């Protein structure tokens, strides 16, 4: 059989292309097989140790002398089924408080942080007031702040001032968490190198424009993980508004527990809060890990 030059050229070109394709070495393949085997071994060991730990904890708890009484008091299925829908109804109030107070906390915290970082002697009184605010509400326990606002404001009998425990409780949460968030924002603002502001000024931006377009975007981006942590804490502390009589998830559980003298509703409320908190916690972990990778690679943070 006769082979033409064109066919021979095509065959040689295909051989060249196949020769240029990357073929991993046997050593590399062996290393990858070793990594996969080690990963499978680590997963198996982790699963086994988790199972053993769970079994040991179960045996220790179940074999305790007071387990039967504890089970009836804290893990009664009848009261759990009764409390679950009422706790979910009350949880809607906690979610609304989280959304509204979260926005107010971010706005107020940002304003306080900006006030604390304003340069110049003319802003000294404003800096002192902002510092006094953060020092006071960060030092005052939240539960005491709630009692003062929820019970003290109605006692003043001021005209046009609400006595709604939900609004007053939300106000107390906003006052306390704004102080914490303000310090987070302030740390972010002060972490931006002064050369950034100087460069912005050299381009013709005013102090306010440099703060808005150069400093704040970098400061907020750097402080996203701690801000999310504060929002997670705020979500849990919305349950404290129940001390004023607001029917939230905690108060709904408390009503059933006091009537039945059984604490299972508290367990139900706690698990509902945990289920609500876990996604926010995982989001915080993901954002933190992503920013750490960007920082390690020299990317923008």
Protein backbone atom coordinates (compact mmCIF):
# COMPACT_ATOMS: atom_id res chain seq x y z
CA UNK A 1 0.00 0.00 0.00
CA UNK A 2 1.31 3.41 -1.04
CA UNK A 3 1.25 6.29 1.46
CA UNK A 4 1.07 9.79 0.05
CA UNK A 5 3.15 12.67 1.40
CA UNK A 6 0.05 14.44 2.68
CA UNK A 7 -1.02 11.37 4.66
CA UNK A 8 2.48 10.94 5.98
CA UNK A 9 2.53 14.59 6.99
CA UNK A 10 -0.80 14.26 8.75
CA UNK A 11 0.36 11.16 10.59
CA UNK A 12 3.57 12.83 11.70
CA UNK A 13 1.62 15.92 12.81
CA UNK A 14 -0.72 13.77 14.88
CA UNK A 15 2.27 12.06 16.43
CA UNK A 16 3.76 15.45 17.30
CA UNK A 17 0.51 16.60 18.89
CA UNK A 18 0.26 13.41 20.88
CA UNK A 19 3.86 13.84 21.86
CA UNK A 20 3.18 17.36 23.12
CA UNK A 21 0.30 16.21 25.38
CA UNK A 22 1.17 16.16 29.09
CA UNK A 23 1.58 12.69 30.55
CA UNK A 24 2.11 12.59 34.33
CA UNK A 25 5.07 10.60 35.50
CA UNK A 26 4.71 7.38 37.41
CA UNK A 27 6.14 9.08 40.48
CA UNK A 28 3.48 11.76 40.36
CA UNK A 29 0.73 9.19 39.91
CA UNK A 30 2.07 7.25 42.87
CA UNK A 31 2.14 10.41 44.98
CA UNK A 32 -1.47 11.20 44.10
CA UNK A 33 -2.54 7.64 44.94
CA UNK A 34 -0.77 7.99 48.27
CA UNK A 35 -2.59 11.27 48.99
CA UNK A 36 -5.96 9.74 48.16
CA UNK A 37 -5.24 6.74 50.37
CA UNK A 38 -4.14 8.96 53.23
CA UNK A 39 -7.28 11.09 52.83
CA UNK A 40 -9.52 8.01 52.92
CA UNK A 41 -7.67 6.73 55.98
CA UNK A 42 -8.06 10.08 57.78
CA UNK A 43 -11.77 10.19 56.96
CA UNK A 44 -12.29 6.65 58.25
CA UNK A 45 -10.41 7.40 61.47
CA UNK A 46 -12.40 10.61 62.02
CA UNK A 47 -15.71 8.81 61.45
CA UNK A 48 -14.73 5.98 63.78
CA UNK A 49 -13.55 8.31 66.55
CA UNK A 50 -16.74 10.36 66.24
CA UNK A 51 -18.88 7.24 66.49
CA UNK A 52 -16.95 5.98 69.53
CA UNK A 53 -17.23 9.38 71.24
CA UNK A 54 -20.98 9.52 70.58
CA UNK A 55 -21.49 6.01 71.93
CA UNK A 56 -19.47 6.75 75.07
CA UNK A 57 -21.39 9.97 75.73
CA UNK A 58 -24.70 8.20 75.18
CA UNK A 59 -23.78 5.41 77.58
CA UNK A 60 -22.56 7.87 80.24
CA UNK A 61 -25.71 9.99 80.02
CA UNK A 62 -28.20 7.12 79.85
CA UNK A 63 -26.55 5.22 82.70
CA UNK A 64 -26.65 8.25 85.02
CA UNK A 65 -28.87 7.71 88.09
CA UNK A 66 -31.12 10.66 87.30
CA UNK A 67 -31.43 10.11 83.55
CA UNK A 68 -35.03 8.89 83.62
CA UNK A 69 -36.18 11.93 85.57
CA UNK A 70 -34.13 14.25 83.35
CA UNK A 71 -35.60 12.65 80.25
CA UNK A 72 -39.14 13.23 81.49
CA UNK A 73 -38.38 16.83 82.47
CA UNK A 74 -36.31 18.04 79.51
CA UNK A 75 -37.01 15.63 76.62
CA UNK A 76 -40.71 14.87 76.75
CA UNK A 77 -42.06 14.30 73.25
CA UNK A 78 -45.60 15.42 74.12
CA UNK A 79 -44.52 18.86 75.33
CA UNK A 80 -42.04 19.17 72.47
CA UNK A 81 -44.84 18.70 69.92
CA UNK A 82 -47.02 21.17 71.82
CA UNK A 83 -44.31 23.82 72.09
CA UNK A 84 -42.83 23.62 68.60
CA UNK A 85 -45.54 25.52 66.64
CA UNK A 86 -45.85 28.20 69.34
CA UNK A 87 -42.07 28.64 69.48
CA UNK A 88 -41.98 29.01 65.70
CA UNK A 89 -44.69 31.68 65.87
CA UNK A 90 -42.66 33.56 68.46
CA UNK A 91 -39.47 33.13 66.46
CA UNK A 92 -40.88 35.41 63.76
CA UNK A 93 -40.61 38.27 66.26
CA UNK A 94 -36.96 37.41 66.89
CA UNK A 95 -36.25 37.38 63.16
CA UNK A 96 -37.90 40.78 62.68
CA UNK A 97 -35.92 42.20 65.57
CA UNK A 98 -32.72 40.82 64.06
CA UNK A 99 -33.40 42.38 60.66
CA UNK A 100 -34.49 45.80 61.93
CA UNK A 101 -32.02 46.10 64.79
CA UNK A 102 -29.21 44.75 62.59
CA UNK A 103 -29.68 47.57 60.09
CA UNK A 104 -29.95 50.21 62.83
CA UNK A 105 -26.87 48.84 64.59
CA UNK A 106 -24.78 48.99 61.41
CA UNK A 107 -25.85 52.55 60.63
CA UNK A 108 -25.47 53.89 64.18
CA UNK A 109 -22.21 52.01 64.71
CA UNK A 110 -20.78 53.47 61.50
CA UNK A 111 -21.75 57.03 62.53
CA UNK A 112 -20.19 56.60 65.97
CA UNK A 113 -16.99 55.17 64.46
CA UNK A 114 -16.72 58.08 62.04
CA UNK A 115 -17.29 60.53 64.89
CA UNK A 116 -14.46 58.92 66.87
CA UNK A 117 -12.04 59.19 63.97
CA UNK A 118 -12.76 62.78 62.88
CA UNK A 119 -9.51 64.77 62.86
CA UNK A 120 -9.01 68.29 64.14
CA UNK A 121 -9.59 70.05 67.48
CA UNK A 122 -13.02 71.35 66.43
CA UNK A 123 -14.39 67.81 66.60
CA UNK A 124 -12.95 67.07 70.05
CA UNK A 125 -16.35 67.25 71.86
CA UNK A 126 -17.86 64.88 69.32
CA UNK A 127 -14.99 62.44 69.75
CA UNK A 128 -15.38 62.54 73.52
CA UNK A 129 -19.13 61.90 73.32
CA UNK A 130 -18.62 58.99 70.92
CA UNK A 131 -15.93 57.49 73.16
CA UNK A 132 -18.13 57.90 76.25
CA UNK A 133 -21.02 56.20 74.45
CA UNK A 134 -18.96 53.17 73.45
CA UNK A 135 -17.31 52.87 76.87
CA UNK A 136 -20.63 53.08 78.71
CA UNK A 137 -22.68 50.65 76.65
CA UNK A 138 -19.84 48.17 76.21
CA UNK A 139 -19.40 48.09 79.98
CA UNK A 140 -23.12 47.97 80.85
CA UNK A 141 -24.49 44.39 80.83
CA UNK A 142 -27.13 43.95 78.17
CA UNK A 143 -29.66 42.48 80.60
CA UNK A 144 -29.41 45.59 82.81
CA UNK A 145 -29.71 47.87 79.81
CA UNK A 146 -32.87 46.01 78.77
CA UNK A 147 -34.39 46.33 82.24
CA UNK A 148 -33.61 50.05 82.42
CA UNK A 149 -35.11 50.77 79.00
CA UNK A 150 -38.06 48.35 79.11
CA UNK A 151 -39.15 49.17 82.68
CA UNK A 152 -37.67 52.63 83.21
CA UNK A 153 -38.99 54.44 80.14
CA UNK A 154 -42.67 53.58 80.80
CA UNK A 155 -42.22 54.67 84.43
CA UNK A 156 -41.37 58.19 83.22
CA UNK A 157 -44.86 58.51 81.64
CA UNK A 158 -43.57 60.69 78.85
CA UNK A 159 -46.15 61.91 76.34
CA UNK A 160 -45.76 60.36 72.90
CA UNK A 161 -43.14 57.82 74.03
CA UNK A 162 -44.01 54.20 73.34
CA UNK A 163 -44.37 51.62 76.08
CA UNK A 164 -44.34 48.67 73.69
CA UNK A 165 -41.86 46.14 75.13
CA UNK A 166 -40.86 45.03 71.63
CA UNK A 167 -39.87 48.54 70.55
CA UNK A 168 -38.19 49.28 73.85
CA UNK A 169 -36.34 45.97 73.82
CA UNK A 170 -35.19 46.61 70.26
CA UNK A 171 -33.97 50.04 71.34
CA UNK A 172 -31.91 48.54 74.14
CA UNK A 173 -30.40 45.96 71.78
CA UNK A 174 -29.53 48.69 69.28
CA UNK A 175 -27.89 50.87 71.92
CA UNK A 176 -25.69 48.06 73.22
CA UNK A 177 -24.67 46.47 69.94
CA UNK A 178 -24.02 49.82 68.27
CA UNK A 179 -21.21 50.36 70.76
CA UNK A 180 -19.59 47.03 69.85
CA UNK A 181 -20.04 47.52 66.11
CA UNK A 182 -18.68 51.07 66.34
CA UNK A 183 -15.42 49.72 67.72
CA UNK A 184 -15.27 47.16 64.90
CA UNK A 185 -15.73 49.89 62.31
CA UNK A 186 -13.21 52.15 64.06
CA UNK A 187 -10.61 49.38 64.02
CA UNK A 188 -11.23 48.95 60.31
CA UNK A 189 -10.92 52.68 59.60
CA UNK A 190 -7.69 52.96 61.55
CA UNK A 191 -6.26 49.90 59.79
CA UNK A 192 -6.31 51.75 56.46
CA UNK A 193 -2.88 53.28 55.95
CA UNK A 194 -2.82 57.12 56.07
CA UNK A 195 -1.18 57.14 52.65
CA UNK A 196 -4.51 56.02 51.18
CA UNK A 197 -6.21 59.17 52.45
CA UNK A 198 -3.23 61.32 51.42
CA UNK A 199 -3.32 59.88 47.90
CA UNK A 200 -7.03 60.58 47.67
CA UNK A 201 -6.49 64.18 48.79
CA UNK A 202 -3.69 64.61 46.25
CA UNK A 203 -6.16 63.63 43.52
CA UNK A 204 -8.45 66.46 44.56
CA UNK A 205 -10.91 64.63 46.80
CA UNK A 206 -12.16 66.36 49.91
CA UNK A 207 -11.86 64.77 53.35
CA UNK A 208 -15.45 63.57 53.17
CA UNK A 209 -14.98 62.14 49.67
CA UNK A 210 -11.77 60.40 50.68
CA UNK A 211 -13.55 58.86 53.66
CA UNK A 212 -16.52 57.76 51.58
CA UNK A 213 -14.82 56.45 48.46
CA UNK A 214 -11.40 55.31 49.70
CA UNK A 215 -11.28 54.64 53.44
CA UNK A 216 -14.71 53.23 54.29
CA UNK A 217 -14.86 50.63 51.48
CA UNK A 218 -11.54 49.16 52.60
CA UNK A 219 -12.44 49.37 56.30
CA UNK A 220 -15.80 47.64 55.91
CA UNK A 221 -14.38 44.90 53.68
CA UNK A 222 -11.70 44.09 56.25
CA UNK A 223 -14.18 43.91 59.12
CA UNK A 224 -16.84 41.68 57.54
CA UNK A 225 -16.05 38.58 59.69
CA UNK A 226 -16.27 40.35 63.08
CA UNK A 227 -19.40 42.18 61.92
CA UNK A 228 -21.04 38.88 61.06
CA UNK A 229 -20.04 37.53 64.47
CA UNK A 230 -21.75 40.48 66.14
CA UNK A 231 -24.91 39.83 64.10
CA UNK A 232 -24.86 36.18 65.22
CA UNK A 233 -24.68 37.35 68.85
CA UNK A 234 -27.49 39.84 68.21
CA UNK A 235 -29.66 37.07 66.80
CA UNK A 236 -29.30 35.08 70.02
CA UNK A 237 -29.80 38.08 72.31
CA UNK A 238 -33.12 39.01 70.68
CA UNK A 239 -34.55 36.36 72.99
CA UNK A 240 -33.89 38.67 75.94
CA UNK A 241 -36.76 40.98 74.95
CA UNK A 242 -39.01 38.41 76.60
CA UNK A 243 -38.18 39.91 80.00
CA UNK A 244 -40.52 42.78 79.14
CA UNK A 245 -43.41 40.49 78.24
CA UNK A 246 -42.91 40.32 74.46
CA UNK A 247 -44.13 36.98 73.09
CA UNK A 248 -41.10 35.75 71.23
CA UNK A 249 -39.75 32.20 70.95
CA UNK A 250 -38.31 32.24 74.48
CA UNK A 251 -41.45 33.69 76.05
CA UNK A 252 -43.67 31.22 74.20
CA UNK A 253 -41.57 28.37 75.61
CA UNK A 254 -41.65 29.96 79.07
CA UNK A 255 -45.45 30.12 79.09
CA UNK A 256 -45.79 26.41 78.35
CA UNK A 257 -43.03 25.49 80.81
CA UNK A 258 -44.63 27.42 83.67
CA UNK A 259 -48.02 25.88 82.98
CA UNK A 260 -46.76 22.30 82.68
CA UNK A 261 -43.76 22.46 85.03
CA UNK A 262 -41.80 20.78 82.26
CA UNK A 263 -38.66 22.27 80.70
CA UNK A 264 -38.88 20.59 77.30
CA UNK A 265 -40.17 23.81 75.66
CA UNK A 266 -36.89 25.52 76.59
CA UNK A 267 -34.97 22.77 74.80
CA UNK A 268 -37.18 23.24 71.74
CA UNK A 269 -36.59 27.01 71.77
CA UNK A 270 -32.85 26.50 72.18
CA UNK A 271 -32.67 24.08 69.26
CA UNK A 272 -34.65 26.48 67.07
CA UNK A 273 -32.19 29.27 67.85
CA UNK A 274 -29.27 26.94 67.13
CA UNK A 275 -30.80 25.98 63.77
CA UNK A 276 -31.18 29.67 62.95
CA UNK A 277 -27.64 30.52 64.04
CA UNK A 278 -25.71 27.73 62.29
CA UNK A 279 -26.15 29.10 58.72
CA UNK A 280 -24.93 32.54 59.83
CA UNK A 281 -21.98 30.95 61.63
CA UNK A 282 -21.01 28.89 58.58
CA UNK A 283 -21.31 32.00 56.41
CA UNK A 284 -18.95 33.81 58.78
CA UNK A 285 -16.45 30.95 58.60
CA UNK A 286 -16.65 30.89 54.80
CA UNK A 287 -16.10 34.65 54.50
CA UNK A 288 -13.19 34.51 56.95
CA UNK A 289 -11.53 31.63 55.09
CA UNK A 290 -12.03 33.36 51.74
CA UNK A 291 -10.45 36.58 52.99
CA UNK A 292 -7.55 34.64 54.52
CA UNK A 293 -6.90 32.96 51.16
CA UNK A 294 -7.00 36.31 49.38
CA UNK A 295 -4.62 37.80 51.91
CA UNK A 296 -2.23 34.85 51.58
CA UNK A 297 -2.25 35.20 47.79
CA UNK A 298 -1.71 38.94 47.94
CA UNK A 299 -5.17 39.72 46.60
CA UNK A 300 -7.43 42.61 47.48
CA UNK A 301 -8.90 42.50 50.95
